[in-house]
């Protein structure tokens, strides 16, 4: 007689399914997190629930650069000390954090919210490219530093942006090749990233 499998109760199964939908969380990790939350005290679970709810209610996208913000404009765009003549273009909000940690870059940002990926049906119109080009039209910005990830999609996006921005007469640079191909900016160490910013190369 075969061994009978034990199914999860419906609330636990729903929690596991919800956790599994998070990026980087596989089925086993989702189960471990679900059982951890089952064993946690109510105050801890309540605090987590309230933190998630607050993020959805209080955090939105900056109206200028599309980074995450707790008001109409993000902290960087509100800072009058930032160099408005320079914009660093990144793929996602999490890419801003490692660049800020280096304390080398003093300009503004623009978050694309993705990369060009034709096989997935993602083109420039699905990204914040139109808004980036609009920010360059008044002549304030003198340099755009492309900090897309050094992989196929990131390189394709950088090449597309270089053509669009270069035609507007704005200097376009790219992070130096100190970043290994396939690396994710979000996980790059501060020393490597600092060097890549300082040795950024103009794209011809």
N, C-alpha and C. Protein backbone atom coordinates (compact mmCIF):
# COMPACT_ATOMS: atom_id res chain seq x y z
N UNK A 1 0.85 -1.19 0.00
CA UNK A 1 0.00 0.00 0.00
C UNK A 1 0.89 1.24 0.00
N UNK A 2 0.62 2.20 -0.92
CA UNK A 2 1.46 3.38 -1.05
C UNK A 2 1.33 4.30 0.14
N UNK A 3 2.38 5.07 0.34
CA UNK A 3 2.38 6.02 1.44
C UNK A 3 1.49 7.21 1.09
N UNK A 4 0.56 7.56 1.98
CA UNK A 4 -0.37 8.65 1.72
C UNK A 4 0.29 9.99 2.00
N UNK A 5 0.16 10.92 1.04
CA UNK A 5 0.77 12.24 1.22
C UNK A 5 -0.10 13.10 2.12
N UNK A 6 0.54 13.97 2.86
CA UNK A 6 -0.16 14.86 3.77
C UNK A 6 -0.25 16.23 3.13
N UNK A 7 -1.45 16.73 2.97
CA UNK A 7 -1.64 18.03 2.33
C UNK A 7 -1.65 19.13 3.39
N UNK A 8 -1.28 20.33 2.96
CA UNK A 8 -1.28 21.48 3.85
C UNK A 8 -2.71 21.96 4.07
N UNK A 9 -2.95 22.52 5.23
CA UNK A 9 -4.26 23.13 5.45
C UNK A 9 -4.40 24.33 4.51
N UNK A 10 -5.62 24.69 4.19
CA UNK A 10 -5.86 25.72 3.18
C UNK A 10 -5.20 27.06 3.49
N UNK A 11 -5.27 27.58 4.73
CA UNK A 11 -4.59 28.85 5.02
C UNK A 11 -3.07 28.76 4.85
N UNK A 12 -2.47 27.65 5.27
CA UNK A 12 -1.02 27.49 5.13
C UNK A 12 -0.65 27.35 3.66
N UNK A 13 -1.44 26.61 2.92
CA UNK A 13 -1.18 26.44 1.49
C UNK A 13 -1.22 27.79 0.77
N UNK A 14 -2.18 28.63 1.15
CA UNK A 14 -2.28 29.96 0.54
C UNK A 14 -1.07 30.82 0.87
N UNK A 15 -0.59 30.72 2.11
CA UNK A 15 0.59 31.48 2.53
C UNK A 15 1.82 31.01 1.77
N UNK A 16 1.99 29.69 1.66
CA UNK A 16 3.13 29.14 0.92
C UNK A 16 3.09 29.60 -0.54
N UNK A 17 1.90 29.56 -1.13
CA UNK A 17 1.75 29.97 -2.53
C UNK A 17 2.09 31.45 -2.70
N UNK A 18 1.65 32.29 -1.76
CA UNK A 18 1.94 33.73 -1.83
C UNK A 18 3.44 34.01 -1.68
N UNK A 19 4.09 33.30 -0.76
CA UNK A 19 5.53 33.48 -0.55
C UNK A 19 6.33 32.98 -1.76
N UNK A 20 5.86 31.91 -2.37
CA UNK A 20 6.55 31.33 -3.54
C UNK A 20 6.56 32.30 -4.72
N UNK A 21 5.59 33.20 -4.77
CA UNK A 21 5.51 34.17 -5.86
C UNK A 21 6.52 35.31 -5.72
N UNK A 22 7.14 35.42 -4.55
CA UNK A 22 8.16 36.45 -4.34
C UNK A 22 9.43 36.07 -5.10
N UNK A 23 10.18 37.05 -5.64
CA UNK A 23 11.40 36.74 -6.40
C UNK A 23 12.45 36.05 -5.54
N UNK A 24 13.04 34.99 -6.08
CA UNK A 24 14.10 34.28 -5.38
C UNK A 24 13.64 33.29 -4.33
N UNK A 25 12.33 33.13 -4.17
CA UNK A 25 11.79 32.21 -3.17
C UNK A 25 11.26 30.95 -3.86
N UNK A 26 11.97 29.84 -3.68
CA UNK A 26 11.53 28.57 -4.26
C UNK A 26 10.49 27.90 -3.37
N UNK A 27 9.97 26.75 -3.79
CA UNK A 27 8.92 26.05 -3.03
C UNK A 27 9.35 25.69 -1.60
N UNK A 28 10.58 25.18 -1.44
CA UNK A 28 11.05 24.78 -0.11
C UNK A 28 11.26 26.00 0.79
N UNK A 29 11.83 27.06 0.22
CA UNK A 29 12.03 28.28 1.00
C UNK A 29 10.69 28.86 1.43
N UNK A 30 9.70 28.79 0.54
CA UNK A 30 8.36 29.30 0.87
C UNK A 30 7.76 28.51 2.03
N UNK A 31 7.95 27.20 2.02
CA UNK A 31 7.43 26.37 3.11
C UNK A 31 8.13 26.69 4.43
N UNK A 32 9.47 26.88 4.37
CA UNK A 32 10.21 27.20 5.60
C UNK A 32 9.75 28.54 6.18
N UNK A 33 9.57 29.53 5.31
CA UNK A 33 9.10 30.84 5.78
C UNK A 33 7.70 30.75 6.37
N UNK A 34 6.84 29.96 5.72
CA UNK A 34 5.46 29.82 6.21
C UNK A 34 5.45 29.19 7.60
N UNK A 35 6.24 28.14 7.80
CA UNK A 35 6.27 27.49 9.12
C UNK A 35 6.96 28.35 10.16
N UNK A 36 7.91 29.18 9.72
CA UNK A 36 8.54 30.13 10.65
C UNK A 36 7.48 31.12 11.16
N UNK A 37 6.66 31.63 10.23
CA UNK A 37 5.62 32.59 10.61
C UNK A 37 4.56 31.93 11.51
N UNK A 38 4.31 30.65 11.29
CA UNK A 38 3.35 29.92 12.13
C UNK A 38 3.84 29.85 13.58
N UNK A 39 5.16 29.70 13.73
CA UNK A 39 5.74 29.54 15.07
C UNK A 39 6.06 30.88 15.73
N UNK A 40 6.11 31.96 14.92
CA UNK A 40 6.44 33.28 15.47
C UNK A 40 5.29 33.79 16.34
N UNK A 41 5.62 34.67 17.30
CA UNK A 41 4.55 35.21 18.14
C UNK A 41 3.71 36.22 17.34
N UNK A 42 2.52 36.49 17.82
CA UNK A 42 1.56 37.31 17.10
C UNK A 42 2.07 38.74 16.87
N UNK A 43 2.82 39.28 17.82
CA UNK A 43 3.32 40.64 17.68
C UNK A 43 4.31 40.75 16.52
N UNK A 44 5.15 39.72 16.36
CA UNK A 44 6.13 39.73 15.28
C UNK A 44 5.43 39.66 13.92
N UNK A 45 4.43 38.79 13.82
CA UNK A 45 3.68 38.66 12.57
C UNK A 45 2.90 39.93 12.28
N UNK A 46 2.33 40.53 13.33
CA UNK A 46 1.58 41.77 13.16
C UNK A 46 2.48 42.90 12.67
N UNK A 47 3.70 42.97 13.22
CA UNK A 47 4.65 44.01 12.82
C UNK A 47 5.02 43.85 11.35
N UNK A 48 5.22 42.60 10.91
CA UNK A 48 5.54 42.34 9.51
C UNK A 48 4.38 42.74 8.60
N UNK A 49 3.18 42.36 9.01
CA UNK A 49 1.99 42.69 8.23
C UNK A 49 1.81 44.20 8.11
N UNK A 50 2.02 44.93 9.21
CA UNK A 50 1.85 46.38 9.19
C UNK A 50 2.92 47.04 8.34
N UNK A 51 4.15 46.50 8.36
CA UNK A 51 5.24 47.06 7.56
C UNK A 51 4.93 46.91 6.07
N UNK A 52 4.40 45.75 5.68
CA UNK A 52 4.05 45.52 4.27
C UNK A 52 2.92 46.46 3.85
N UNK A 53 1.90 46.59 4.71
CA UNK A 53 0.77 47.47 4.41
C UNK A 53 1.23 48.91 4.28
N UNK A 54 2.13 49.36 5.17
CA UNK A 54 2.61 50.74 5.15
C UNK A 54 3.38 51.03 3.87
N UNK A 55 4.18 50.05 3.42
CA UNK A 55 4.94 50.24 2.18
C UNK A 55 4.00 50.49 1.01
N UNK A 56 2.92 49.72 0.94
CA UNK A 56 1.96 49.88 -0.16
C UNK A 56 1.18 51.19 -0.05
N UNK A 57 0.94 51.65 1.16
CA UNK A 57 0.13 52.86 1.36
C UNK A 57 0.94 54.14 1.31
N UNK A 58 2.19 54.10 1.81
CA UNK A 58 2.98 55.32 1.97
C UNK A 58 4.05 55.53 0.90
N UNK A 59 4.45 54.45 0.22
CA UNK A 59 5.56 54.56 -0.73
C UNK A 59 5.03 54.52 -2.17
N UNK A 60 5.55 55.43 -2.99
CA UNK A 60 5.16 55.48 -4.40
C UNK A 60 6.41 55.74 -5.24
N UNK A 61 6.24 56.11 -6.49
CA UNK A 61 7.37 56.41 -7.36
C UNK A 61 7.56 57.92 -7.45
N UNK A 62 8.81 58.34 -7.44
CA UNK A 62 9.16 59.75 -7.59
C UNK A 62 8.63 60.25 -8.93
N UNK A 63 8.03 61.43 -8.94
CA UNK A 63 7.45 61.99 -10.17
C UNK A 63 8.52 62.44 -11.16
N UNK A 64 9.78 62.52 -10.71
CA UNK A 64 10.86 62.98 -11.58
C UNK A 64 11.70 61.82 -12.08
N UNK A 65 12.25 61.03 -11.16
CA UNK A 65 13.21 59.98 -11.55
C UNK A 65 12.66 58.57 -11.47
N UNK A 66 11.49 58.39 -10.86
CA UNK A 66 10.82 57.10 -10.74
C UNK A 66 11.51 56.13 -9.79
N UNK A 67 12.33 56.68 -8.88
CA UNK A 67 12.84 55.90 -7.77
C UNK A 67 11.72 55.82 -6.73
N UNK A 68 11.85 54.93 -5.76
CA UNK A 68 10.83 54.86 -4.72
C UNK A 68 10.91 56.12 -3.86
N UNK A 69 9.74 56.60 -3.39
CA UNK A 69 9.69 57.85 -2.64
C UNK A 69 8.54 57.81 -1.65
N UNK A 70 8.66 58.61 -0.59
CA UNK A 70 7.58 58.71 0.39
C UNK A 70 6.82 60.02 0.25
N UNK A 71 7.10 60.75 -0.84
CA UNK A 71 6.36 61.97 -1.18
C UNK A 71 6.41 62.10 -2.70
N UNK A 72 6.00 63.24 -3.23
CA UNK A 72 5.96 63.38 -4.69
C UNK A 72 7.34 63.19 -5.31
N UNK A 73 8.37 63.73 -4.63
CA UNK A 73 9.74 63.58 -5.11
C UNK A 73 10.55 62.76 -4.11
N UNK A 74 11.54 62.01 -4.62
CA UNK A 74 12.39 61.21 -3.73
C UNK A 74 13.40 62.11 -3.02
N UNK A 75 14.13 61.54 -2.10
CA UNK A 75 15.10 62.28 -1.29
C UNK A 75 16.19 62.90 -2.16
N UNK A 76 16.65 62.18 -3.17
CA UNK A 76 17.72 62.70 -4.03
C UNK A 76 17.23 63.88 -4.85
N UNK A 77 16.06 63.75 -5.46
CA UNK A 77 15.53 64.83 -6.30
C UNK A 77 15.19 66.07 -5.48
N UNK A 78 14.93 65.91 -4.18
CA UNK A 78 14.62 67.05 -3.32
C UNK A 78 15.87 67.76 -2.82
N UNK A 79 17.03 67.13 -2.97
CA UNK A 79 18.27 67.67 -2.41
C UNK A 79 18.87 68.72 -3.35
N UNK A 80 18.90 69.98 -2.94
CA UNK A 80 19.45 71.04 -3.80
C UNK A 80 20.96 70.95 -3.98
N UNK A 81 21.62 70.14 -3.16
CA UNK A 81 23.08 69.99 -3.25
C UNK A 81 23.51 69.00 -4.33
N UNK A 82 22.56 68.24 -4.87
CA UNK A 82 22.93 67.27 -5.91
C UNK A 82 23.25 67.99 -7.22
N UNK A 83 24.14 67.38 -8.01
CA UNK A 83 24.57 67.95 -9.29
C UNK A 83 23.50 67.66 -10.35
N UNK A 84 22.73 68.69 -10.71
CA UNK A 84 21.63 68.53 -11.66
C UNK A 84 22.10 68.39 -13.11
N UNK A 85 23.41 68.53 -13.34
CA UNK A 85 23.93 68.42 -14.71
C UNK A 85 24.24 66.97 -15.08
N UNK A 86 24.02 66.05 -14.15
CA UNK A 86 24.37 64.65 -14.39
C UNK A 86 23.26 63.72 -13.93
N UNK A 87 22.93 62.74 -14.78
CA UNK A 87 21.93 61.74 -14.44
C UNK A 87 22.52 60.34 -14.60
N UNK A 88 22.34 59.52 -13.60
CA UNK A 88 22.76 58.12 -13.66
C UNK A 88 21.51 57.27 -13.94
N UNK A 89 21.55 56.49 -14.99
CA UNK A 89 20.41 55.67 -15.39
C UNK A 89 20.61 54.24 -14.89
N UNK A 90 19.64 53.75 -14.12
CA UNK A 90 19.70 52.38 -13.59
C UNK A 90 18.44 51.61 -13.98
N UNK A 91 18.50 50.30 -13.82
CA UNK A 91 17.37 49.46 -14.22
C UNK A 91 16.24 49.47 -13.21
N UNK A 92 16.59 49.40 -11.91
CA UNK A 92 15.55 49.27 -10.88
C UNK A 92 15.93 50.08 -9.64
N UNK A 93 14.95 50.39 -8.80
CA UNK A 93 15.24 51.21 -7.61
C UNK A 93 16.36 50.64 -6.73
N UNK A 94 16.45 49.32 -6.61
CA UNK A 94 17.48 48.73 -5.75
C UNK A 94 18.89 49.03 -6.24
N UNK A 95 19.05 49.40 -7.52
CA UNK A 95 20.38 49.71 -8.05
C UNK A 95 20.89 51.07 -7.58
N UNK A 96 20.01 51.91 -7.09
CA UNK A 96 20.43 53.22 -6.59
C UNK A 96 21.24 53.06 -5.30
N UNK A 97 20.84 52.12 -4.46
CA UNK A 97 21.46 51.97 -3.14
C UNK A 97 22.97 51.69 -3.19
N UNK A 98 23.44 50.72 -3.99
CA UNK A 98 24.90 50.50 -4.01
C UNK A 98 25.68 51.69 -4.55
N UNK A 99 25.12 52.42 -5.50
CA UNK A 99 25.81 53.60 -6.03
C UNK A 99 25.89 54.68 -4.96
N UNK A 100 24.82 54.86 -4.20
CA UNK A 100 24.83 55.85 -3.11
C UNK A 100 25.82 55.46 -2.02
N UNK A 101 25.97 54.15 -1.77
CA UNK A 101 26.90 53.70 -0.72
C UNK A 101 28.34 54.08 -1.03
N UNK A 102 28.68 54.19 -2.30
CA UNK A 102 30.07 54.52 -2.65
C UNK A 102 30.42 55.96 -2.25
N UNK A 103 29.40 56.83 -2.13
CA UNK A 103 29.59 58.26 -1.80
C UNK A 103 30.45 58.99 -2.84
N UNK A 104 30.58 58.42 -4.02
CA UNK A 104 31.36 59.03 -5.10
C UNK A 104 30.47 59.82 -6.03
N UNK A 105 29.30 59.28 -6.32
CA UNK A 105 28.39 59.91 -7.27
C UNK A 105 27.53 60.97 -6.58
N UNK A 106 27.46 62.17 -7.16
CA UNK A 106 26.74 63.29 -6.54
C UNK A 106 25.61 63.82 -7.42
N UNK A 107 25.33 63.15 -8.54
CA UNK A 107 24.30 63.63 -9.45
C UNK A 107 22.93 63.09 -9.13
N UNK A 108 22.03 63.14 -10.12
CA UNK A 108 20.67 62.65 -9.98
C UNK A 108 20.54 61.27 -10.60
N UNK A 109 19.36 60.69 -10.53
CA UNK A 109 19.12 59.34 -11.06
C UNK A 109 17.92 59.32 -11.98
N UNK A 110 17.83 58.24 -12.74
CA UNK A 110 16.61 57.93 -13.49
C UNK A 110 16.47 56.40 -13.50
N UNK A 111 15.32 55.91 -13.04
CA UNK A 111 15.08 54.47 -12.94
C UNK A 111 14.20 54.02 -14.10
N UNK A 112 14.70 53.10 -14.90
CA UNK A 112 13.98 52.62 -16.08
C UNK A 112 12.86 51.65 -15.75
N UNK A 113 13.01 50.92 -14.66
CA UNK A 113 12.08 49.85 -14.28
C UNK A 113 12.09 48.71 -15.30
N UNK A 114 13.31 48.28 -15.62
CA UNK A 114 13.45 47.14 -16.50
C UNK A 114 14.50 47.38 -17.57
N UNK A 115 14.59 46.44 -18.50
CA UNK A 115 15.51 46.54 -19.62
C UNK A 115 14.80 46.11 -20.89
N UNK A 116 15.37 46.48 -22.02
CA UNK A 116 14.81 46.07 -23.30
C UNK A 116 15.05 44.57 -23.46
N UNK A 117 13.97 43.82 -23.67
CA UNK A 117 14.05 42.37 -23.83
C UNK A 117 13.02 41.93 -24.85
N UNK A 118 13.36 41.97 -26.14
CA UNK A 118 12.40 41.65 -27.20
C UNK A 118 11.76 40.27 -27.06
N UNK A 119 12.51 39.30 -26.57
CA UNK A 119 11.96 37.94 -26.43
C UNK A 119 10.84 37.89 -25.41
N UNK A 120 10.83 38.87 -24.49
CA UNK A 120 9.77 38.93 -23.49
C UNK A 120 8.74 40.02 -23.81
N UNK A 121 8.87 40.59 -24.99
CA UNK A 121 7.92 41.61 -25.41
C UNK A 121 8.12 42.95 -24.73
N UNK A 122 9.33 43.19 -24.21
CA UNK A 122 9.61 44.46 -23.52
C UNK A 122 10.47 45.35 -24.42
N UNK A 123 9.90 46.46 -24.83
CA UNK A 123 10.62 47.43 -25.64
C UNK A 123 10.75 48.74 -24.91
N UNK A 124 11.31 49.75 -25.54
CA UNK A 124 11.50 51.06 -24.90
C UNK A 124 10.20 51.66 -24.37
N UNK A 125 9.10 51.39 -25.06
CA UNK A 125 7.81 51.97 -24.65
C UNK A 125 7.31 51.41 -23.32
N UNK A 126 7.82 50.24 -22.93
CA UNK A 126 7.42 49.65 -21.65
C UNK A 126 8.29 50.13 -20.50
N UNK A 127 9.34 50.90 -20.82
CA UNK A 127 10.25 51.43 -19.80
C UNK A 127 10.04 52.94 -19.66
N UNK A 128 10.80 53.55 -18.75
CA UNK A 128 10.68 55.00 -18.52
C UNK A 128 11.68 55.76 -19.39
N UNK A 129 11.77 55.37 -20.67
CA UNK A 129 12.71 56.01 -21.60
C UNK A 129 12.19 57.37 -22.04
N UNK A 130 10.92 57.45 -22.37
CA UNK A 130 10.33 58.71 -22.83
C UNK A 130 10.52 59.81 -21.78
N UNK A 131 10.33 59.45 -20.52
CA UNK A 131 10.48 60.42 -19.44
C UNK A 131 11.94 60.85 -19.28
N UNK A 132 12.87 59.92 -19.50
CA UNK A 132 14.30 60.26 -19.43
C UNK A 132 14.66 61.28 -20.50
N UNK A 133 14.24 61.03 -21.73
CA UNK A 133 14.56 61.95 -22.83
C UNK A 133 13.94 63.32 -22.59
N UNK A 134 12.77 63.35 -21.98
CA UNK A 134 12.12 64.63 -21.68
C UNK A 134 12.94 65.45 -20.69
N UNK A 135 13.63 64.78 -19.76
CA UNK A 135 14.45 65.47 -18.76
C UNK A 135 15.69 66.12 -19.38
N UNK A 136 16.04 65.72 -20.58
CA UNK A 136 17.28 66.20 -21.20
C UNK A 136 17.05 67.39 -22.13
N UNK A 137 15.80 67.73 -22.39
CA UNK A 137 15.50 68.70 -23.44
C UNK A 137 15.83 70.14 -23.08
N UNK A 138 15.89 70.48 -21.80
CA UNK A 138 16.12 71.90 -21.46
C UNK A 138 17.60 72.26 -21.39
N UNK A 139 18.48 71.29 -21.62
CA UNK A 139 19.92 71.58 -21.68
C UNK A 139 20.64 71.60 -20.34
N UNK A 140 19.92 71.35 -19.24
CA UNK A 140 20.56 71.36 -17.91
C UNK A 140 21.52 70.19 -17.76
N UNK A 141 21.13 69.03 -18.24
CA UNK A 141 21.93 67.81 -18.09
C UNK A 141 23.03 67.77 -19.14
N UNK A 142 24.27 67.62 -18.69
CA UNK A 142 25.43 67.59 -19.58
C UNK A 142 25.98 66.18 -19.77
N UNK A 143 25.68 65.29 -18.81
CA UNK A 143 26.19 63.92 -18.91
C UNK A 143 25.15 62.94 -18.39
N UNK A 144 24.98 61.84 -19.11
CA UNK A 144 24.15 60.74 -18.67
C UNK A 144 25.05 59.51 -18.51
N UNK A 145 25.12 59.00 -17.29
CA UNK A 145 25.94 57.81 -17.02
C UNK A 145 25.03 56.58 -17.02
N UNK A 146 25.26 55.67 -17.94
CA UNK A 146 24.44 54.47 -18.05
C UNK A 146 24.98 53.40 -17.10
N UNK A 147 24.15 53.01 -16.15
CA UNK A 147 24.56 52.02 -15.15
C UNK A 147 23.65 50.80 -15.20
N UNK A 148 23.26 50.42 -16.42
CA UNK A 148 22.50 49.18 -16.57
C UNK A 148 23.45 48.01 -16.31
N UNK A 149 22.89 46.87 -15.94
CA UNK A 149 23.72 45.72 -15.58
C UNK A 149 24.52 45.19 -16.78
N UNK A 150 25.73 44.68 -16.53
CA UNK A 150 26.58 44.17 -17.61
C UNK A 150 26.17 42.77 -18.07
N UNK A 151 24.96 42.67 -18.64
CA UNK A 151 24.50 41.42 -19.24
C UNK A 151 23.89 41.75 -20.60
N UNK A 152 23.35 40.76 -21.28
CA UNK A 152 22.85 40.97 -22.64
C UNK A 152 21.77 42.05 -22.69
N UNK A 153 20.79 41.95 -21.79
CA UNK A 153 19.69 42.92 -21.78
C UNK A 153 20.18 44.32 -21.41
N UNK A 154 21.08 44.37 -20.40
CA UNK A 154 21.60 45.66 -19.97
C UNK A 154 22.41 46.35 -21.06
N UNK A 155 23.22 45.56 -21.78
CA UNK A 155 24.03 46.12 -22.86
C UNK A 155 23.14 46.60 -24.01
N UNK A 156 22.11 45.82 -24.34
CA UNK A 156 21.19 46.22 -25.42
C UNK A 156 20.48 47.52 -25.07
N UNK A 157 20.09 47.64 -23.81
CA UNK A 157 19.41 48.86 -23.34
C UNK A 157 20.36 50.05 -23.40
N UNK A 158 21.61 49.84 -22.97
CA UNK A 158 22.60 50.91 -23.00
C UNK A 158 22.87 51.39 -24.43
N UNK A 159 22.96 50.45 -25.36
CA UNK A 159 23.21 50.82 -26.77
C UNK A 159 22.05 51.64 -27.33
N UNK A 160 20.83 51.23 -27.00
CA UNK A 160 19.66 51.96 -27.48
C UNK A 160 19.65 53.38 -26.91
N UNK A 161 19.90 53.51 -25.60
CA UNK A 161 19.88 54.82 -24.96
C UNK A 161 20.99 55.72 -25.49
N UNK A 162 22.15 55.12 -25.76
CA UNK A 162 23.27 55.91 -26.28
C UNK A 162 22.90 56.58 -27.60
N UNK A 163 22.21 55.84 -28.46
CA UNK A 163 21.82 56.40 -29.76
C UNK A 163 20.81 57.53 -29.58
N UNK A 164 19.84 57.33 -28.69
CA UNK A 164 18.80 58.33 -28.47
C UNK A 164 19.37 59.59 -27.81
N UNK A 165 20.19 59.39 -26.78
CA UNK A 165 20.72 60.53 -26.02
C UNK A 165 21.83 61.23 -26.78
N UNK A 166 22.68 60.44 -27.45
CA UNK A 166 23.77 61.03 -28.23
C UNK A 166 23.26 61.97 -29.30
N UNK A 167 22.11 61.64 -29.88
CA UNK A 167 21.53 62.48 -30.93
C UNK A 167 21.07 63.83 -30.39
N UNK A 168 20.93 63.91 -29.06
CA UNK A 168 20.50 65.17 -28.43
C UNK A 168 21.69 66.03 -28.03
N UNK A 169 22.91 65.54 -28.30
CA UNK A 169 24.11 66.31 -27.98
C UNK A 169 24.55 66.22 -26.53
N UNK A 170 24.02 65.26 -25.78
CA UNK A 170 24.40 65.08 -24.38
C UNK A 170 25.48 64.00 -24.29
N UNK A 171 26.48 64.24 -23.47
CA UNK A 171 27.57 63.26 -23.29
C UNK A 171 27.02 62.01 -22.62
N UNK A 172 27.38 60.84 -23.17
CA UNK A 172 26.91 59.57 -22.63
C UNK A 172 28.11 58.73 -22.20
N UNK A 173 28.10 58.30 -20.93
CA UNK A 173 29.18 57.46 -20.42
C UNK A 173 28.59 56.15 -19.91
N UNK A 174 29.48 55.18 -19.73
CA UNK A 174 29.09 53.84 -19.26
C UNK A 174 30.03 53.46 -18.13
N UNK A 175 29.52 52.74 -17.14
CA UNK A 175 30.40 52.25 -16.07
C UNK A 175 31.56 51.47 -16.66
N UNK A 176 32.75 51.63 -16.10
CA UNK A 176 33.94 50.97 -16.61
C UNK A 176 33.79 49.46 -16.53
N UNK A 177 34.60 48.76 -17.29
CA UNK A 177 34.50 47.31 -17.41
C UNK A 177 35.03 46.54 -16.21
N UNK A 178 35.19 47.22 -15.08
CA UNK A 178 35.59 46.51 -13.87
C UNK A 178 34.51 45.57 -13.39
N UNK A 179 33.27 45.82 -13.85
CA UNK A 179 32.16 44.96 -13.46
C UNK A 179 32.16 43.71 -14.33
N UNK A 180 32.18 42.52 -13.74
CA UNK A 180 32.18 41.28 -14.53
C UNK A 180 30.88 41.12 -15.29
N UNK A 181 30.97 40.58 -16.52
CA UNK A 181 29.78 40.39 -17.34
C UNK A 181 28.83 39.41 -16.65
N UNK A 182 27.56 39.78 -16.62
CA UNK A 182 26.56 38.93 -15.98
C UNK A 182 26.32 39.30 -14.53
N UNK A 183 27.12 40.22 -13.99
CA UNK A 183 26.95 40.62 -12.59
C UNK A 183 25.74 41.52 -12.44
N UNK A 184 25.16 41.52 -11.26
CA UNK A 184 24.02 42.38 -10.96
C UNK A 184 24.51 43.54 -10.12
N UNK A 185 24.21 44.76 -10.56
CA UNK A 185 24.67 45.96 -9.86
C UNK A 185 24.30 45.95 -8.39
N UNK A 186 23.13 45.40 -8.10
CA UNK A 186 22.61 45.37 -6.73
C UNK A 186 23.55 44.65 -5.77
N UNK A 187 24.31 43.64 -6.29
CA UNK A 187 25.15 42.82 -5.42
C UNK A 187 26.65 43.09 -5.60
N UNK A 188 26.99 44.16 -6.34
CA UNK A 188 28.39 44.48 -6.57
C UNK A 188 28.99 45.16 -5.35
N UNK A 189 30.22 44.78 -5.00
CA UNK A 189 30.84 45.38 -3.81
C UNK A 189 31.21 46.84 -4.05
N UNK A 190 31.32 47.59 -2.96
CA UNK A 190 31.53 49.03 -3.03
C UNK A 190 32.82 49.41 -3.75
N UNK A 191 33.90 48.67 -3.51
CA UNK A 191 35.20 49.00 -4.11
C UNK A 191 35.15 48.87 -5.63
N UNK A 192 34.59 47.76 -6.11
CA UNK A 192 34.48 47.54 -7.55
C UNK A 192 33.60 48.58 -8.20
N UNK A 193 32.49 48.89 -7.55
CA UNK A 193 31.55 49.86 -8.11
C UNK A 193 32.13 51.27 -8.10
N UNK A 194 32.86 51.61 -7.05
CA UNK A 194 33.50 52.93 -6.99
C UNK A 194 34.47 53.10 -8.16
N UNK A 195 35.28 52.07 -8.40
CA UNK A 195 36.22 52.11 -9.52
C UNK A 195 35.52 52.22 -10.85
N UNK A 196 34.39 51.52 -10.99
CA UNK A 196 33.64 51.55 -12.25
C UNK A 196 33.06 52.94 -12.51
N UNK A 197 32.65 53.62 -11.44
CA UNK A 197 32.12 54.98 -11.60
C UNK A 197 33.24 55.96 -11.94
N UNK A 198 34.33 55.87 -11.20
CA UNK A 198 35.44 56.81 -11.41
C UNK A 198 36.10 56.64 -12.78
N UNK A 199 36.11 55.41 -13.29
CA UNK A 199 36.74 55.14 -14.60
C UNK A 199 35.70 55.00 -15.71
N UNK A 200 34.53 55.58 -15.53
CA UNK A 200 33.48 55.46 -16.54
C UNK A 200 34.00 55.94 -17.90
N UNK A 201 33.49 55.32 -18.94
CA UNK A 201 34.00 55.56 -20.29
C UNK A 201 32.93 56.22 -21.15
N UNK A 202 33.37 57.17 -21.99
CA UNK A 202 32.42 57.78 -22.90
C UNK A 202 32.11 56.81 -24.02
N UNK A 203 30.82 56.73 -24.37
CA UNK A 203 30.40 55.84 -25.45
C UNK A 203 30.40 56.65 -26.73
N UNK A 204 31.12 56.18 -27.73
CA UNK A 204 31.21 56.93 -29.00
C UNK A 204 30.09 56.53 -29.93
